[in-house]
Amino acid sequence: MPYVNIKITREGLTAVQKEQLIQGATELLVDVLGKNPEITVVVIDEINTDNWGIAGESVTKRRQRDE
């Protein structure tokens, strides 16, 4: 059973966008690896930008600095 875990920052992704990610990831596994879409699991984890760090600082701070 293929399992895909998509981790993104929590920034207002819509239900439609999430559905598109789930469909797209499933189709990719079907097209590239020949996996059965009926048993393909896709999970989307939305992470608060305070909890996502790059180069030693949170995404929240990086974005505030870049404004």
C-alpha atoms as a PDB file:
ATOM      1  CA  MET A   1       0.000   0.000   0.000  1.00  0.00           C
ATOM      2  CA  PRO A   2       1.684   3.229  -1.135  1.00  0.00           C
ATOM      3  CA  TYR A   3       1.721   5.989   1.477  1.00  0.00           C
ATOM      4  CA  VAL A   4       2.507   9.595   0.558  1.00  0.00           C
ATOM      5  CA  ASN A   5       2.957  12.258   3.239  1.00  0.00           C
ATOM      6  CA  ILE A   6       2.867  15.860   2.022  1.00  0.00           C
ATOM      7  CA  LYS A   7       4.065  18.417   4.551  1.00  0.00           C
ATOM      8  CA  ILE A   8       3.340  22.073   3.873  1.00  0.00           C
ATOM      9  CA  THR A   9       3.166  25.233   5.929  1.00  0.00           C
ATOM     10  CA  ARG A  10      -0.302  26.128   7.203  1.00  0.00           C
ATOM     11  CA  GLU A  11      -1.206  29.148   5.131  1.00  0.00           C
ATOM     12  CA  GLY A  12      -4.791  28.855   4.024  1.00  0.00           C
ATOM     13  CA  LEU A  13      -4.768  25.974   1.592  1.00  0.00           C
ATOM     14  CA  THR A  14      -8.318  25.442   0.363  1.00  0.00           C
ATOM     15  CA  ALA A  15     -10.216  22.158   0.341  1.00  0.00           C
ATOM     16  CA  VAL A  16     -10.049  22.238  -3.464  1.00  0.00           C
ATOM     17  CA  GLN A  17      -6.258  22.645  -3.429  1.00  0.00           C
ATOM     18  CA  LYS A  18      -5.917  19.760  -0.971  1.00  0.00           C
ATOM     19  CA  GLU A  19      -8.074  17.566  -3.184  1.00  0.00           C
ATOM     20  CA  GLN A  20      -5.886  18.483  -6.169  1.00  0.00           C
ATOM     21  CA  LEU A  21      -2.754  17.491  -4.214  1.00  0.00           C
ATOM     22  CA  ILE A  22      -4.303  14.173  -3.219  1.00  0.00           C
ATOM     23  CA  GLN A  23      -5.445  13.420  -6.767  1.00  0.00           C
ATOM     24  CA  GLY A  24      -2.138  14.509  -8.277  1.00  0.00           C
ATOM     25  CA  ALA A  25       0.004  12.450  -5.912  1.00  0.00           C
ATOM     26  CA  THR A  26      -2.193   9.413  -6.492  1.00  0.00           C
ATOM     27  CA  GLU A  27      -2.049   9.820 -10.282  1.00  0.00           C
ATOM     28  CA  LEU A  28       1.743  10.185 -10.147  1.00  0.00           C
ATOM     29  CA  LEU A  29       2.117   6.854  -8.346  1.00  0.00           C
ATOM     30  CA  VAL A  30      -0.265   5.201 -10.808  1.00  0.00           C
ATOM     31  CA  ASP A  31       1.484   6.655 -13.875  1.00  0.00           C
ATOM     32  CA  VAL A  32       5.107   6.221 -12.788  1.00  0.00           C
ATOM     33  CA  LEU A  33       5.008   3.115 -10.614  1.00  0.00           C
ATOM     34  CA  GLY A  34       1.829   1.384 -11.740  1.00  0.00           C
ATOM     35  CA  LYS A  35       0.367   1.491  -8.217  1.00  0.00           C
ATOM     36  CA  ASN A  36      -3.278   0.740  -7.510  1.00  0.00           C
ATOM     37  CA  PRO A  37      -5.097   4.009  -6.701  1.00  0.00           C
ATOM     38  CA  GLU A  38      -7.629   2.116  -4.579  1.00  0.00           C
ATOM     39  CA  ILE A  39      -4.997   1.378  -1.940  1.00  0.00           C
ATOM     40  CA  THR A  40      -2.876   4.522  -2.276  1.00  0.00           C
ATOM     41  CA  VAL A  41      -2.943   6.696   0.850  1.00  0.00           C
ATOM     42  CA  VAL A  42      -2.108  10.419   0.762  1.00  0.00           C
ATOM     43  CA  VAL A  43      -1.847  12.451   3.976  1.00  0.00           C
ATOM     44  CA  ILE A  44      -1.393  16.220   4.081  1.00  0.00           C
ATOM     45  CA  ASP A  45       0.185  17.662   7.234  1.00  0.00           C
ATOM     46  CA  GLU A  46      -0.129  21.421   7.606  1.00  0.00           C
ATOM     47  CA  ILE A  47       2.614  22.772   9.856  1.00  0.00           C
ATOM     48  CA  ASN A  48       2.461  26.143  11.582  1.00  0.00           C
ATOM     49  CA  THR A  49       5.235  28.398  10.259  1.00  0.00           C
ATOM     50  CA  ASP A  50       6.521  28.794  13.846  1.00  0.00           C
ATOM     51  CA  ASN A  51       7.247  25.064  13.775  1.00  0.00           C
ATOM     52  CA  TRP A  52       9.040  24.968  10.409  1.00  0.00           C
ATOM     53  CA  GLY A  53      12.645  26.101  10.329  1.00  0.00           C
ATOM     54  CA  ILE A  54      15.080  26.898   7.544  1.00  0.00           C
ATOM     55  CA  ALA A  55      18.719  27.869   8.038  1.00  0.00           C
ATOM     56  CA  GLY A  56      18.349  28.136  11.796  1.00  0.00           C
ATOM     57  CA  GLU A  57      15.221  30.273  11.984  1.00  0.00           C
ATOM     58  CA  SER A  58      11.473  29.754  11.743  1.00  0.00           C
ATOM     59  CA  VAL A  59       9.617  30.432   8.517  1.00  0.00           C
ATOM     60  CA  THR A  60       7.584  33.008  10.442  1.00  0.00           C
ATOM     61  CA  LYS A  61      10.713  35.042  11.272  1.00  0.00           C
ATOM     62  CA  ARG A  62      12.134  34.669   7.767  1.00  0.00           C
ATOM     63  CA  ARG A  63       8.947  35.987   6.220  1.00  0.00           C
ATOM     64  CA  GLN A  64       8.728  38.892   8.683  1.00  0.00           C
ATOM     65  CA  ARG A  65      12.331  39.806   7.877  1.00  0.00           C
ATOM     66  CA  ASP A  66      11.695  39.645   4.118  1.00  0.00           C
ATOM     67  CA  GLU A  67       8.642  41.964   4.231  1.00  0.00           C
END
